[in-house]
C-alpha cells in the first residue's frame, strides 16, 4: 500500500501520513459498516483521496498566504490572527462577527 502511494505521489511523508489516516478511518468505520469486499483497494483509494485533499489544501494556502502577508493592518482593524493570539479560543472567536472591509482614506 505504502509503495503504491509513494509511486503515485513521489513523496514518502505524504504517502505515510495518508496511509495512517486511511487505517484510522478503517478502524473507525469497518466495525459498524462492515469490511469492504476488497479491503486493500479500499485502503489505497481512501489514502489516495486523503493525500489529494491535503495537496489541494496546501496549494490553496500557498496561493492565499502572499495575499495575507501583503495586506497592511490598520490600528483600528482587528484581524483574526490578532484575536487568536490574544488568548481567546477558536470557539469563542466564532461568536465574534467579522468586520467588513472599509475603503481606506489616503
PDB file of N, CA and C in Angstrom:
ATOM      1  N   UNK A   1       0.822  -1.182   0.000  1.00  0.00           N
ATOM      2  CA  UNK A   1       0.000   0.000   0.000  1.00  0.00           C
ATOM      3  C   UNK A   1       0.872   1.255   0.000  1.00  0.00           C
ATOM      4  N   UNK A   2       1.831   1.287   0.908  1.00  0.00           N
ATOM      5  CA  UNK A   2       2.707   2.449   1.006  1.00  0.00           C
ATOM      6  C   UNK A   2       3.522   2.639  -0.270  1.00  0.00           C
ATOM      7  N   UNK A   3       3.999   1.538  -0.830  1.00  0.00           N
ATOM      8  CA  UNK A   3       4.793   1.620  -2.061  1.00  0.00           C
ATOM      9  C   UNK A   3       3.971   2.180  -3.216  1.00  0.00           C
ATOM     10  N   UNK A   4       2.709   1.783  -3.308  1.00  0.00           N
ATOM     11  CA  UNK A   4       1.879   2.307  -4.404  1.00  0.00           C
ATOM     12  C   UNK A   4       1.596   3.788  -4.215  1.00  0.00           C
ATOM     13  N   UNK A   5       1.417   4.226  -2.968  1.00  0.00           N
ATOM     14  CA  UNK A   5       1.186   5.648  -2.713  1.00  0.00           C
ATOM     15  C   UNK A   5       2.440   6.478  -2.975  1.00  0.00           C
ATOM     16  N   UNK A   6       3.599   5.942  -2.596  1.00  0.00           N
ATOM     17  CA  UNK A   6       4.855   6.642  -2.881  1.00  0.00           C
ATOM     18  C   UNK A   6       5.062   6.742  -4.388  1.00  0.00           C
ATOM     19  N   UNK A   7       4.762   5.683  -5.097  1.00  0.00           N
ATOM     20  CA  UNK A   7       4.877   5.714  -6.553  1.00  0.00           C
ATOM     21  C   UNK A   7       3.919   6.709  -7.179  1.00  0.00           C
ATOM     22  N   UNK A   8       2.736   6.829  -6.620  1.00  0.00           N
ATOM     23  CA  UNK A   8       1.729   7.737  -7.169  1.00  0.00           C
ATOM     24  C   UNK A   8       2.074   9.196  -6.900  1.00  0.00           C
ATOM     25  N   UNK A   9       2.515   9.498  -5.659  1.00  0.00           N
ATOM     26  CA  UNK A   9       2.764  10.883  -5.276  1.00  0.00           C
ATOM     27  C   UNK A   9       4.233  11.288  -5.318  1.00  0.00           C
ATOM     28  N   UNK A  10       5.129  10.323  -5.191  1.00  0.00           N
ATOM     29  CA  UNK A  10       6.549  10.651  -5.181  1.00  0.00           C
ATOM     30  C   UNK A  10       7.001  11.318  -3.894  1.00  0.00           C
ATOM     31  N   UNK A  11       6.220  11.208  -2.842  1.00  0.00           N
ATOM     32  CA  UNK A  11       6.527  11.858  -1.571  1.00  0.00           C
ATOM     33  C   UNK A  11       6.285  10.844  -0.458  1.00  0.00           C
ATOM     34  N   UNK A  12       7.357  10.417   0.189  1.00  0.00           N
ATOM     35  CA  UNK A  12       7.258   9.394   1.214  1.00  0.00           C
ATOM     36  C   UNK A  12       6.426   9.868   2.410  1.00  0.00           C
ATOM     37  N   UNK A  13       6.675  11.088   2.880  1.00  0.00           N
ATOM     38  CA  UNK A  13       5.963  11.605   4.055  1.00  0.00           C
ATOM     39  C   UNK A  13       4.468  11.729   3.794  1.00  0.00           C
ATOM     40  N   UNK A  14       4.114  12.265   2.639  1.00  0.00           N
ATOM     41  CA  UNK A  14       2.698  12.401   2.284  1.00  0.00           C
ATOM     42  C   UNK A  14       2.028  11.034   2.201  1.00  0.00           C
ATOM     43  N   UNK A  15       2.702  10.074   1.582  1.00  0.00           N
ATOM     44  CA  UNK A  15       2.153   8.728   1.455  1.00  0.00           C
ATOM     45  C   UNK A  15       1.986   8.070   2.817  1.00  0.00           C
ATOM     46  N   UNK A  16       2.952   8.257   3.682  1.00  0.00           N
ATOM     47  CA  UNK A  16       2.885   7.649   5.015  1.00  0.00           C
ATOM     48  C   UNK A  16       1.750   8.244   5.848  1.00  0.00           C
ATOM     49  N   UNK A  17       1.592   9.545   5.798  1.00  0.00           N
ATOM     50  CA  UNK A  17       0.514  10.195   6.545  1.00  0.00           C
ATOM     51  C   UNK A  17      -0.853   9.795   6.002  1.00  0.00           C
ATOM     52  N   UNK A  18      -0.976   9.727   4.689  1.00  0.00           N
ATOM     53  CA  UNK A  18      -2.245   9.334   4.077  1.00  0.00           C
ATOM     54  C   UNK A  18      -2.591   7.890   4.415  1.00  0.00           C
ATOM     55  N   UNK A  19      -1.610   7.005   4.428  1.00  0.00           N
ATOM     56  CA  UNK A  19      -1.845   5.610   4.784  1.00  0.00           C
ATOM     57  C   UNK A  19      -2.287   5.501   6.240  1.00  0.00           C
ATOM     58  N   UNK A  20      -1.663   6.255   7.120  1.00  0.00           N
ATOM     59  CA  UNK A  20      -2.046   6.234   8.531  1.00  0.00           C
ATOM     60  C   UNK A  20      -3.482   6.722   8.710  1.00  0.00           C
ATOM     61  N   UNK A  21      -3.856   7.777   7.977  1.00  0.00           N
ATOM     62  CA  UNK A  21      -5.229   8.267   8.047  1.00  0.00           C
ATOM     63  C   UNK A  21      -6.209   7.225   7.529  1.00  0.00           C
ATOM     64  N   UNK A  22      -5.855   6.542   6.451  1.00  0.00           N
ATOM     65  CA  UNK A  22      -6.742   5.513   5.892  1.00  0.00           C
ATOM     66  C   UNK A  22      -6.952   4.376   6.890  1.00  0.00           C
ATOM     67  N   UNK A  23      -5.893   3.940   7.560  1.00  0.00           N
ATOM     68  CA  UNK A  23      -6.040   2.889   8.566  1.00  0.00           C
ATOM     69  C   UNK A  23      -6.894   3.363   9.738  1.00  0.00           C
ATOM     70  N   UNK A  24      -6.742   4.620  10.136  1.00  0.00           N
ATOM     71  CA  UNK A  24      -7.553   5.159  11.229  1.00  0.00           C
ATOM     72  C   UNK A  24      -9.029   5.219  10.838  1.00  0.00           C
ATOM     73  N   UNK A  25      -9.303   5.616   9.615  1.00  0.00           N
ATOM     74  CA  UNK A  25     -10.682   5.663   9.137  1.00  0.00           C
ATOM     75  C   UNK A  25     -11.262   4.253   9.067  1.00  0.00           C
ATOM     76  N   UNK A  26     -10.455   3.296   8.599  1.00  0.00           N
ATOM     77  CA  UNK A  26     -10.915   1.905   8.530  1.00  0.00           C
ATOM     78  C   UNK A  26     -11.228   1.375   9.924  1.00  0.00           C
ATOM     79  N   UNK A  27     -10.384   1.677  10.886  1.00  0.00           N
ATOM     80  CA  UNK A  27     -10.617   1.205  12.252  1.00  0.00           C
ATOM     81  C   UNK A  27     -11.889   1.808  12.834  1.00  0.00           C
ATOM     82  N   UNK A  28     -12.247   2.982  12.378  1.00  0.00           N
ATOM     83  CA  UNK A  28     -13.446   3.645  12.874  1.00  0.00           C
ATOM     84  C   UNK A  28     -14.700   3.142  12.151  1.00  0.00           C
ATOM     85  N   UNK A  29     -14.634   2.975  10.845  1.00  0.00           N
ATOM     86  CA  UNK A  29     -15.818   2.653  10.051  1.00  0.00           C
ATOM     87  C   UNK A  29     -16.113   1.172   9.921  1.00  0.00           C
ATOM     88  N   UNK A  30     -15.098   0.348   9.769  1.00  0.00           N
ATOM     89  CA  UNK A  30     -15.334  -1.060   9.468  1.00  0.00           C
ATOM     90  C   UNK A  30     -16.093  -1.818  10.550  1.00  0.00           C
ATOM     91  N   UNK A  31     -15.885  -1.544  11.831  1.00  0.00           N
ATOM     92  CA  UNK A  31     -16.673  -2.291  12.819  1.00  0.00           C
ATOM     93  C   UNK A  31     -18.184  -2.058  12.685  1.00  0.00           C
ATOM     94  N   UNK A  32     -18.596  -0.851  12.325  1.00  0.00           N
ATOM     95  CA  UNK A  32     -20.025  -0.566  12.203  1.00  0.00           C
ATOM     96  C   UNK A  32     -20.562  -0.837  10.801  1.00  0.00           C
ATOM     97  N   UNK A  33     -19.799  -0.489   9.763  1.00  0.00           N
ATOM     98  CA  UNK A  33     -20.263  -0.642   8.379  1.00  0.00           C
ATOM     99  C   UNK A  33     -19.935  -2.004   7.789  1.00  0.00           C
ATOM    100  N   UNK A  34     -19.022  -2.720   8.387  1.00  0.00           N
ATOM    101  CA  UNK A  34     -18.570  -3.992   7.841  1.00  0.00           C
ATOM    102  C   UNK A  34     -17.366  -3.795   6.935  1.00  0.00           C
ATOM    103  N   UNK A  35     -16.596  -4.845   6.760  1.00  0.00           N
ATOM    104  CA  UNK A  35     -15.391  -4.777   5.941  1.00  0.00           C
ATOM    105  C   UNK A  35     -15.773  -4.782   4.466  1.00  0.00           C
ATOM    106  N   UNK A  36     -15.138  -3.944   3.646  1.00  0.00           N
ATOM    107  CA  UNK A  36     -15.459  -3.922   2.210  1.00  0.00           C
ATOM    108  C   UNK A  36     -15.007  -5.206   1.520  1.00  0.00           C
ATOM    109  N   UNK A  37     -15.492  -5.407   0.315  1.00  0.00           N
ATOM    110  CA  UNK A  37     -15.144  -6.608  -0.439  1.00  0.00           C
ATOM    111  C   UNK A  37     -13.659  -6.726  -0.727  1.00  0.00           C
ATOM    112  N   UNK A  38     -13.006  -5.608  -1.004  1.00  0.00           N
ATOM    113  CA  UNK A  38     -11.571  -5.599  -1.286  1.00  0.00           C
ATOM    114  C   UNK A  38     -10.916  -4.577  -0.348  1.00  0.00           C
ATOM    115  N   UNK A  39     -10.545  -4.998   0.867  1.00  0.00           N
ATOM    116  CA  UNK A  39     -10.027  -4.047   1.857  1.00  0.00           C
ATOM    117  C   UNK A  39      -8.758  -3.319   1.415  1.00  0.00           C
ATOM    118  N   UNK A  40      -7.883  -4.002   0.705  1.00  0.00           N
ATOM    119  CA  UNK A  40      -6.644  -3.357   0.252  1.00  0.00           C
ATOM    120  C   UNK A  40      -6.917  -2.225  -0.713  1.00  0.00           C
ATOM    121  N   UNK A  41      -7.818  -2.463  -1.655  1.00  0.00           N
ATOM    122  CA  UNK A  41      -8.171  -1.407  -2.610  1.00  0.00           C
ATOM    123  C   UNK A  41      -8.859  -0.245  -1.899  1.00  0.00           C
ATOM    124  N   UNK A  42      -9.691  -0.557  -0.918  1.00  0.00           N
ATOM    125  CA  UNK A  42     -10.383   0.486  -0.164  1.00  0.00           C
ATOM    126  C   UNK A  42      -9.366   1.360   0.570  1.00  0.00           C
ATOM    127  N   UNK A  43      -8.390   0.724   1.194  1.00  0.00           N
ATOM    128  CA  UNK A  43      -7.364   1.473   1.926  1.00  0.00           C
ATOM    129  C   UNK A  43      -6.542   2.362   0.995  1.00  0.00           C
ATOM    130  N   UNK A  44      -6.130   1.811  -0.140  1.00  0.00           N
ATOM    131  CA  UNK A  44      -5.323   2.596  -1.084  1.00  0.00           C
ATOM    132  C   UNK A  44      -6.133   3.767  -1.633  1.00  0.00           C
ATOM    133  N   UNK A  45      -7.391   3.515  -1.996  1.00  0.00           N
ATOM    134  CA  UNK A  45      -8.232   4.579  -2.550  1.00  0.00           C
ATOM    135  C   UNK A  45      -8.482   5.666  -1.509  1.00  0.00           C
ATOM    136  N   UNK A  46      -8.790   5.270  -0.291  1.00  0.00           N
ATOM    137  CA  UNK A  46      -9.022   6.246   0.772  1.00  0.00           C
ATOM    138  C   UNK A  46      -7.766   7.057   1.051  1.00  0.00           C
ATOM    139  N   UNK A  47      -6.628   6.392   1.115  1.00  0.00           N
ATOM    140  CA  UNK A  47      -5.362   7.098   1.352  1.00  0.00           C
ATOM    141  C   UNK A  47      -5.050   8.056   0.206  1.00  0.00           C
ATOM    142  N   UNK A  48      -5.282   7.623  -1.016  1.00  0.00           N
ATOM    143  CA  UNK A  48      -5.015   8.482  -2.175  1.00  0.00           C
ATOM    144  C   UNK A  48      -5.918   9.717  -2.143  1.00  0.00           C
ATOM    145  N   UNK A  49      -7.194   9.540  -1.804  1.00  0.00           N
ATOM    146  CA  UNK A  49      -8.104  10.688  -1.728  1.00  0.00           C
ATOM    147  C   UNK A  49      -7.693  11.650  -0.616  1.00  0.00           C
ATOM    148  N   UNK A  50      -7.262  11.121   0.507  1.00  0.00           N
ATOM    149  CA  UNK A  50      -6.797  11.970   1.605  1.00  0.00           C
ATOM    150  C   UNK A  50      -5.561  12.765   1.200  1.00  0.00           C
ATOM    151  N   UNK A  51      -4.648  12.132   0.506  1.00  0.00           N
ATOM    152  CA  UNK A  51      -3.425  12.811   0.074  1.00  0.00           C
ATOM    153  C   UNK A  51      -3.744  13.898  -0.956  1.00  0.00           C
ATOM    154  N   UNK A  52      -4.656  13.613  -1.862  1.00  0.00           N
ATOM    155  CA  UNK A  52      -5.055  14.609  -2.863  1.00  0.00           C
ATOM    156  C   UNK A  52      -5.705  15.803  -2.172  1.00  0.00           C
ATOM    157  N   UNK A  53      -6.558  15.546  -1.200  1.00  0.00           N
ATOM    158  CA  UNK A  53      -7.178  16.639  -0.442  1.00  0.00           C
ATOM    159  C   UNK A  53      -6.128  17.487   0.259  1.00  0.00           C
ATOM    160  N   UNK A  54      -5.121  16.839   0.821  1.00  0.00           N
ATOM    161  CA  UNK A  54      -4.054  17.575   1.509  1.00  0.00           C
ATOM    162  C   UNK A  54      -3.261  18.440   0.532  1.00  0.00           C
ATOM    163  N   UNK A  55      -2.955  17.882  -0.640  1.00  0.00           N
ATOM    164  CA  UNK A  55      -2.235  18.665  -1.650  1.00  0.00           C
ATOM    165  C   UNK A  55      -3.051  19.863  -2.097  1.00  0.00           C
ATOM    166  N   UNK A  56      -4.347  19.690  -2.253  1.00  0.00           N
ATOM    167  CA  UNK A  56      -5.211  20.808  -2.645  1.00  0.00           C
ATOM    168  C   UNK A  56      -5.241  21.886  -1.566  1.00  0.00           C
ATOM    169  N   UNK A  57      -5.378  21.476  -0.307  1.00  0.00           N
ATOM    170  CA  UNK A  57      -5.370  22.457   0.787  1.00  0.00           C
ATOM    171  C   UNK A  57      -4.051  23.210   0.840  1.00  0.00           C
ATOM    172  N   UNK A  58      -2.956  22.499   0.671  1.00  0.00           N
ATOM    173  CA  UNK A  58      -1.636  23.148   0.690  1.00  0.00           C
ATOM    174  C   UNK A  58      -1.486  24.130  -0.464  1.00  0.00           C
ATOM    175  N   UNK A  59      -2.011  23.766  -1.639  1.00  0.00           N
ATOM    176  CA  UNK A  59      -1.918  24.647  -2.808  1.00  0.00           C
ATOM    177  C   UNK A  59      -2.735  25.918  -2.589  1.00  0.00           C
ATOM    178  N   UNK A  60      -3.933  25.792  -2.033  1.00  0.00           N
ATOM    179  CA  UNK A  60      -4.768  26.960  -1.762  1.00  0.00           C
ATOM    180  C   UNK A  60      -4.104  27.845  -0.714  1.00  0.00           C
ATOM    181  N   UNK A  61      -3.549  27.245   0.327  1.00  0.00           N
ATOM    182  CA  UNK A  61      -2.854  28.020   1.349  1.00  0.00           C
ATOM    183  C   UNK A  61      -1.666  28.765   0.756  1.00  0.00           C
ATOM    184  N   UNK A  62      -0.898  28.093  -0.090  1.00  0.00           N
ATOM    185  CA  UNK A  62       0.261  28.741  -0.713  1.00  0.00           C
ATOM    186  C   UNK A  62      -0.164  29.903  -1.598  1.00  0.00           C
ATOM    187  N   UNK A  63      -1.315  29.786  -2.239  1.00  0.00           N
ATOM    188  CA  UNK A  63      -1.797  30.866  -3.099  1.00  0.00           C
ATOM    189  C   UNK A  63      -2.317  32.045  -2.279  1.00  0.00           C
ATOM    190  N   UNK A  64      -2.912  31.766  -1.124  1.00  0.00           N
ATOM    191  CA  UNK A  64      -3.507  32.833  -0.326  1.00  0.00           C
ATOM    192  C   UNK A  64      -2.552  33.457   0.675  1.00  0.00           C
ATOM    193  N   UNK A  65      -1.499  32.779   1.029  1.00  0.00           N
ATOM    194  CA  UNK A  65      -0.563  33.294   2.021  1.00  0.00           C
ATOM    195  C   UNK A  65       0.058  34.629   1.619  1.00  0.00           C
ATOM    196  N   UNK A  66       0.497  34.817   0.361  1.00  0.00           N
ATOM    197  CA  UNK A  66       1.033  36.142  -0.010  1.00  0.00           C
ATOM    198  C   UNK A  66      -0.008  37.244   0.092  1.00  0.00           C
ATOM    199  N   UNK A  67      -1.264  36.909  -0.143  1.00  0.00           N
ATOM    200  CA  UNK A  67      -2.313  37.920  -0.022  1.00  0.00           C
ATOM    201  C   UNK A  67      -2.491  38.354   1.429  1.00  0.00           C
ATOM    202  N   UNK A  68      -2.358  37.416   2.347  1.00  0.00           N
ATOM    203  CA  UNK A  68      -2.468  37.753   3.765  1.00  0.00           C
ATOM    204  C   UNK A  68      -1.282  38.589   4.224  1.00  0.00           C
ATOM    205  N   UNK A  69      -0.106  38.268   3.739  1.00  0.00           N
ATOM    206  CA  UNK A  69       1.096  38.989   4.144  1.00  0.00           C
ATOM    207  C   UNK A  69       1.151  40.383   3.523  1.00  0.00           C
ATOM    208  N   UNK A  70       0.549  40.575   2.346  1.00  0.00           N
ATOM    209  CA  UNK A  70       0.629  41.845   1.644  1.00  0.00           C
ATOM    210  C   UNK A  70      -0.366  42.866   2.172  1.00  0.00           C
ATOM    211  N   UNK A  71      -1.415  42.426   2.871  1.00  0.00           N
ATOM    212  CA  UNK A  71      -2.437  43.344   3.342  1.00  0.00           C
ATOM    213  C   UNK A  71      -1.971  44.064   4.602  1.00  0.00           C
ATOM    214  N   UNK A  72      -1.819  45.406   4.546  1.00  0.00           N
ATOM    215  CA  UNK A  72      -1.399  46.131   5.743  1.00  0.00           C
ATOM    216  C   UNK A  72      -2.559  46.227   6.733  1.00  0.00           C
ATOM    217  N   UNK A  73      -2.266  46.069   7.988  1.00  0.00           N
ATOM    218  CA  UNK A  73      -3.287  46.152   9.031  1.00  0.00           C
ATOM    219  C   UNK A  73      -3.241  47.528   9.662  1.00  0.00           C
ATOM    220  N   UNK A  74      -4.403  48.163   9.750  1.00  0.00           N
ATOM    221  CA  UNK A  74      -4.504  49.461  10.392  1.00  0.00           C
ATOM    222  C   UNK A  74      -4.584  49.301  11.895  1.00  0.00           C
ATOM    223  N   UNK A  75      -4.466  50.416  12.605  1.00  0.00           N
ATOM    224  CA  UNK A  75      -4.504  50.349  14.064  1.00  0.00           C
ATOM    225  C   UNK A  75      -5.888  49.990  14.580  1.00  0.00           C
ATOM    226  N   UNK A  76      -6.932  50.432  13.850  1.00  0.00           N
ATOM    227  CA  UNK A  76      -8.282  50.166  14.331  1.00  0.00           C
ATOM    228  C   UNK A  76      -8.833  48.840  13.814  1.00  0.00           C
ATOM    229  N   UNK A  77      -8.118  48.163  12.935  1.00  0.00           N
ATOM    230  CA  UNK A  77      -8.561  46.870  12.410  1.00  0.00           C
ATOM    231  C   UNK A  77      -8.194  45.763  13.387  1.00  0.00           C
ATOM    232  N   UNK A  78      -9.124  44.880  13.614  1.00  0.00           N
ATOM    233  CA  UNK A  78      -8.858  43.696  14.428  1.00  0.00           C
ATOM    234  C   UNK A  78      -8.976  42.508  13.494  1.00  0.00           C
ATOM    235  N   UNK A  79      -7.876  41.833  13.275  1.00  0.00           N
ATOM    236  CA  UNK A  79      -7.880  40.689  12.380  1.00  0.00           C
ATOM    237  C   UNK A  79      -7.950  39.409  13.181  1.00  0.00           C
ATOM    238  N   UNK A  80      -8.343  38.339  12.525  1.00  0.00           N
ATOM    239  CA  UNK A  80      -8.477  37.062  13.206  1.00  0.00           C
ATOM    240  C   UNK A  80      -7.177  36.594  13.863  1.00  0.00           C
ATOM    241  N   UNK A  81      -6.005  36.704  13.216  1.00  0.00           N
ATOM    242  CA  UNK A  81      -4.788  36.275  13.911  1.00  0.00           C
ATOM    243  C   UNK A  81      -4.556  37.064  15.201  1.00  0.00           C
ATOM    244  N   UNK A  82      -4.886  38.346  15.202  1.00  0.00           N
ATOM    245  CA  UNK A  82      -4.711  39.135  16.413  1.00  0.00           C
ATOM    246  C   UNK A  82      -5.651  38.655  17.502  1.00  0.00           C
ATOM    247  N   UNK A  83      -6.866  38.278  17.114  1.00  0.00           N
ATOM    248  CA  UNK A  83      -7.832  37.770  18.090  1.00  0.00           C
ATOM    249  C   UNK A  83      -7.331  36.453  18.654  1.00  0.00           C
ATOM    250  N   UNK A  84      -6.871  35.562  17.792  1.00  0.00           N
ATOM    251  CA  UNK A  84      -6.412  34.263  18.245  1.00  0.00           C
ATOM    252  C   UNK A  84      -5.192  34.379  19.135  1.00  0.00           C
ATOM    253  N   UNK A  85      -4.333  35.342  18.863  1.00  0.00           N
ATOM    254  CA  UNK A  85      -3.125  35.488  19.655  1.00  0.00           C
ATOM    255  C   UNK A  85      -3.411  36.172  20.988  1.00  0.00           C
ATOM    256  N   UNK A  86      -4.607  36.752  21.143  1.00  0.00           N
ATOM    257  CA  UNK A  86      -4.920  37.439  22.391  1.00  0.00           C
ATOM    258  C   UNK A  86      -5.326  36.478  23.496  1.00  0.00           C
ATOM    259  N   UNK A  87      -5.337  35.186  23.206  1.00  0.00           N
ATOM    260  CA  UNK A  87      -5.630  34.205  24.239  1.00  0.00           C
ATOM    261  C   UNK A  87      -7.028  33.636  24.161  1.00  0.00           C
ATOM    262  N   UNK A  88      -7.844  34.127  23.240  1.00  0.00           N
ATOM    263  CA  UNK A  88      -9.180  33.583  23.089  1.00  0.00           C
ATOM    264  C   UNK A  88      -9.110  32.259  22.352  1.00  0.00           C
ATOM    265  N   UNK A  89      -9.976  31.344  22.699  1.00  0.00           N
ATOM    266  CA  UNK A  89     -10.006  30.073  21.986  1.00  0.00           C
ATOM    267  C   UNK A  89     -10.726  30.264  20.667  1.00  0.00           C
ATOM    268  N   UNK A  90     -10.522  29.349  19.741  1.00  0.00           N
ATOM    269  CA  UNK A  90     -11.158  29.470  18.433  1.00  0.00           C
ATOM    270  C   UNK A  90     -12.669  29.348  18.541  1.00  0.00           C
ATOM    271  N   UNK A  91     -13.182  28.616  19.522  1.00  0.00           N
ATOM    272  CA  UNK A  91     -14.628  28.501  19.673  1.00  0.00           C
ATOM    273  C   UNK A  91     -15.238  29.816  20.148  1.00  0.00           C
ATOM    274  N   UNK A  92     -14.526  30.555  20.988  1.00  0.00           N
ATOM    275  CA  UNK A  92     -15.063  31.839  21.428  1.00  0.00           C
ATOM    276  C   UNK A  92     -14.935  32.890  20.335  1.00  0.00           C
ATOM    277  N   UNK A  93     -14.000  32.699  19.410  1.00  0.00           N
ATOM    278  CA  UNK A  93     -13.851  33.637  18.294  1.00  0.00           C
ATOM    279  C   UNK A  93     -14.951  33.456  17.265  1.00  0.00           C
ATOM    280  N   UNK A  94     -15.587  32.293  17.240  1.00  0.00           N
ATOM    281  CA  UNK A  94     -16.644  32.044  16.270  1.00  0.00           C
ATOM    282  C   UNK A  94     -17.821  32.972  16.521  1.00  0.00           C
ATOM    283  N   UNK A  95     -18.025  33.407  17.759  1.00  0.00           N
ATOM    284  CA  UNK A  95     -19.131  34.289  18.083  1.00  0.00           C
ATOM    285  C   UNK A  95     -18.845  35.736  17.723  1.00  0.00           C
ATOM    286  N   UNK A  96     -17.597  36.078  17.445  1.00  0.00           N
ATOM    287  CA  UNK A  96     -17.221  37.446  17.107  1.00  0.00           C
ATOM    288  C   UNK A  96     -17.475  37.665  15.627  1.00  0.00           C
ATOM    289  N   UNK A  97     -18.332  38.636  15.271  1.00  0.00           N
ATOM    290  CA  UNK A  97     -18.586  38.863  13.846  1.00  0.00           C
ATOM    291  C   UNK A  97     -17.358  39.444  13.158  1.00  0.00           C
ATOM    292  N   UNK A  98     -17.166  39.041  11.925  1.00  0.00           N
ATOM    293  CA  UNK A  98     -16.052  39.579  11.145  1.00  0.00           C
ATOM    294  C   UNK A  98     -16.411  40.962  10.650  1.00  0.00           C
ATOM    295  N   UNK A  99     -15.454  41.870  10.697  1.00  0.00           N
ATOM    296  CA  UNK A  99     -15.708  43.213  10.213  1.00  0.00           C
ATOM    297  C   UNK A  99     -15.599  43.244   8.698  1.00  0.00           C
ATOM    298  N   UNK A 100     -16.406  44.074   8.097  1.00  0.00           N
ATOM    299  CA  UNK A 100     -16.373  44.235   6.650  1.00  0.00           C
ATOM    300  C   UNK A 100     -15.201  45.147   6.287  1.00  0.00           C
ATOM    301  N   UNK A 101     -14.640  44.911   5.119  1.00  0.00           N
ATOM    302  CA  UNK A 101     -13.528  45.759   4.673  1.00  0.00           C
ATOM    303  C   UNK A 101     -14.038  47.152   4.378  1.00  0.00           C
ATOM    304  N   UNK A 102     -13.350  48.140   4.873  1.00  0.00           N
ATOM    305  CA  UNK A 102     -13.716  49.525   4.612  1.00  0.00           C
ATOM    306  C   UNK A 102     -12.665  50.122   3.693  1.00  0.00           C
ATOM    307  N   UNK A 103     -13.077  50.983   2.783  1.00  0.00           N
ATOM    308  CA  UNK A 103     -12.054  51.643   1.963  1.00  0.00           C
ATOM    309  C   UNK A 103     -11.216  52.559   2.832  1.00  0.00           C
ATOM    310  N   UNK A 104      -9.934  52.506   2.637  1.00  0.00           N
ATOM    311  CA  UNK A 104      -9.006  53.325   3.417  1.00  0.00           C
ATOM    312  C   UNK A 104      -8.880  54.700   2.795  1.00  0.00           C
ATOM    313  N   UNK A 105      -8.881  55.698   3.629  1.00  0.00           N
ATOM    314  CA  UNK A 105      -8.688  57.048   3.117  1.00  0.00           C
ATOM    315  C   UNK A 105      -7.196  57.327   3.013  1.00  0.00           C
ATOM    316  N   UNK A 106      -6.786  58.024   1.940  1.00  0.00           N
ATOM    317  CA  UNK A 106      -5.339  58.276   1.764  1.00  0.00           C
ATOM    318  C   UNK A 106      -4.777  59.257   2.747  1.00  0.00           C
TER     319      UNK A 106
END
